[in-house]
Amino acid sequence: MLSNSKIEAYRRMSPGERWREVEELMSLAWRTLQALPDDELQRRVQVIRNEHDLSDAIILERLRTLS
């Protein structure tokens, strides 16, 4: 959980500053994934893809109920 001071620091950031922070975190995550053994990297990427596909299916099902 973030401290109140960290939350306030994020609130004071400009959109550009927040975006740079997001880019830094995405780059760190990608470097961390790339440092894994290939079989573990592939396993984790597959888990992410499965979660994404499930999320897409849920959204599509909800959209179908609206029409």
C-alpha atoms as a PDB file:
ATOM      1  CA  MET A   1       0.000   0.000   0.000  1.00  0.00           C
ATOM      2  CA  LEU A   2       1.246   3.476  -0.844  1.00  0.00           C
ATOM      3  CA  SER A   3       1.884   6.013   1.860  1.00  0.00           C
ATOM      4  CA  ASN A   4      -0.114   9.220   1.900  1.00  0.00           C
ATOM      5  CA  SER A   5       2.999  11.196   0.978  1.00  0.00           C
ATOM      6  CA  LYS A   6       3.615   8.987  -2.080  1.00  0.00           C
ATOM      7  CA  ILE A   7      -0.027   9.348  -3.153  1.00  0.00           C
ATOM      8  CA  GLU A   8       0.247  13.128  -2.836  1.00  0.00           C
ATOM      9  CA  ALA A   9       3.484  13.093  -4.834  1.00  0.00           C
ATOM     10  CA  TYR A  10       1.700  11.225  -7.642  1.00  0.00           C
ATOM     11  CA  ARG A  11      -1.152  13.733  -7.549  1.00  0.00           C
ATOM     12  CA  ARG A  12       1.300  16.614  -7.980  1.00  0.00           C
ATOM     13  CA  MET A  13       2.934  15.003 -11.026  1.00  0.00           C
ATOM     14  CA  SER A  14       2.177  16.295 -14.476  1.00  0.00           C
ATOM     15  CA  PRO A  15       0.749  13.839 -17.011  1.00  0.00           C
ATOM     16  CA  GLY A  16       4.188  13.706 -18.638  1.00  0.00           C
ATOM     17  CA  GLU A  17       5.870  12.841 -15.350  1.00  0.00           C
ATOM     18  CA  ARG A  18       3.330  10.111 -14.657  1.00  0.00           C
ATOM     19  CA  TRP A  19       3.819   8.707 -18.148  1.00  0.00           C
ATOM     20  CA  ARG A  20       7.618   8.612 -17.686  1.00  0.00           C
ATOM     21  CA  GLU A  21       7.120   6.696 -14.459  1.00  0.00           C
ATOM     22  CA  VAL A  22       4.829   4.210 -16.241  1.00  0.00           C
ATOM     23  CA  GLU A  23       7.422   3.778 -19.014  1.00  0.00           C
ATOM     24  CA  GLU A  24      10.160   3.151 -16.457  1.00  0.00           C
ATOM     25  CA  LEU A  25       8.062   0.504 -14.707  1.00  0.00           C
ATOM     26  CA  MET A  26       7.153  -1.188 -18.004  1.00  0.00           C
ATOM     27  CA  SER A  27      10.829  -1.234 -19.016  1.00  0.00           C
ATOM     28  CA  LEU A  28      11.807  -2.734 -15.663  1.00  0.00           C
ATOM     29  CA  ALA A  29       9.110  -5.400 -15.994  1.00  0.00           C
ATOM     30  CA  TRP A  30      10.254  -6.284 -19.514  1.00  0.00           C
ATOM     31  CA  ARG A  31      13.937  -6.495 -18.504  1.00  0.00           C
ATOM     32  CA  THR A  32      12.959  -8.699 -15.571  1.00  0.00           C
ATOM     33  CA  LEU A  33      10.974 -11.018 -17.843  1.00  0.00           C
ATOM     34  CA  GLN A  34      13.813 -11.198 -20.358  1.00  0.00           C
ATOM     35  CA  ALA A  35      16.243 -12.215 -17.615  1.00  0.00           C
ATOM     36  CA  LEU A  36      14.208 -15.364 -16.885  1.00  0.00           C
ATOM     37  CA  PRO A  37      15.043 -18.745 -18.393  1.00  0.00           C
ATOM     38  CA  ASP A  38      13.222 -19.169 -21.711  1.00  0.00           C
ATOM     39  CA  ASP A  39      10.772 -21.801 -20.443  1.00  0.00           C
ATOM     40  CA  GLU A  40       9.723 -19.602 -17.509  1.00  0.00           C
ATOM     41  CA  LEU A  41       9.438 -16.551 -19.762  1.00  0.00           C
ATOM     42  CA  GLN A  42       7.175 -18.466 -22.144  1.00  0.00           C
ATOM     43  CA  ARG A  43       5.072 -19.784 -19.254  1.00  0.00           C
ATOM     44  CA  ARG A  44       4.528 -16.297 -17.844  1.00  0.00           C
ATOM     45  CA  VAL A  45       3.740 -14.794 -21.241  1.00  0.00           C
ATOM     46  CA  GLN A  46       1.163 -17.548 -21.777  1.00  0.00           C
ATOM     47  CA  VAL A  47      -0.437 -16.801 -18.402  1.00  0.00           C
ATOM     48  CA  ILE A  48      -0.667 -13.121 -19.355  1.00  0.00           C
ATOM     49  CA  ARG A  49      -2.194 -13.996 -22.738  1.00  0.00           C
ATOM     50  CA  ASN A  50      -4.748 -16.309 -21.099  1.00  0.00           C
ATOM     51  CA  GLU A  51      -5.759 -13.595 -18.625  1.00  0.00           C
ATOM     52  CA  HIS A  52      -6.072 -11.092 -21.475  1.00  0.00           C
ATOM     53  CA  ASP A  53      -8.204 -13.482 -23.535  1.00  0.00           C
ATOM     54  CA  LEU A  54     -10.467 -14.161 -20.558  1.00  0.00           C
ATOM     55  CA  SER A  55     -10.852 -10.441 -19.934  1.00  0.00           C
ATOM     56  CA  ASP A  56     -11.747  -9.895 -23.592  1.00  0.00           C
ATOM     57  CA  ALA A  57     -14.341 -12.672 -23.449  1.00  0.00           C
ATOM     58  CA  ILE A  58     -15.956 -11.152 -20.358  1.00  0.00           C
ATOM     59  CA  ILE A  59     -16.142  -7.714 -21.989  1.00  0.00           C
ATOM     60  CA  LEU A  60     -17.639  -9.148 -25.183  1.00  0.00           C
ATOM     61  CA  GLU A  61     -20.242 -11.089 -23.224  1.00  0.00           C
ATOM     62  CA  ARG A  62     -21.239  -7.963 -21.298  1.00  0.00           C
ATOM     63  CA  LEU A  63     -21.471  -5.967 -24.529  1.00  0.00           C
ATOM     64  CA  ARG A  64     -23.747  -8.629 -26.019  1.00  0.00           C
ATOM     65  CA  THR A  65     -26.159  -8.197 -23.126  1.00  0.00           C
ATOM     66  CA  LEU A  66     -26.470  -4.464 -23.893  1.00  0.00           C
ATOM     67  CA  SER A  67     -27.871  -4.912 -27.380  1.00  0.00           C
END
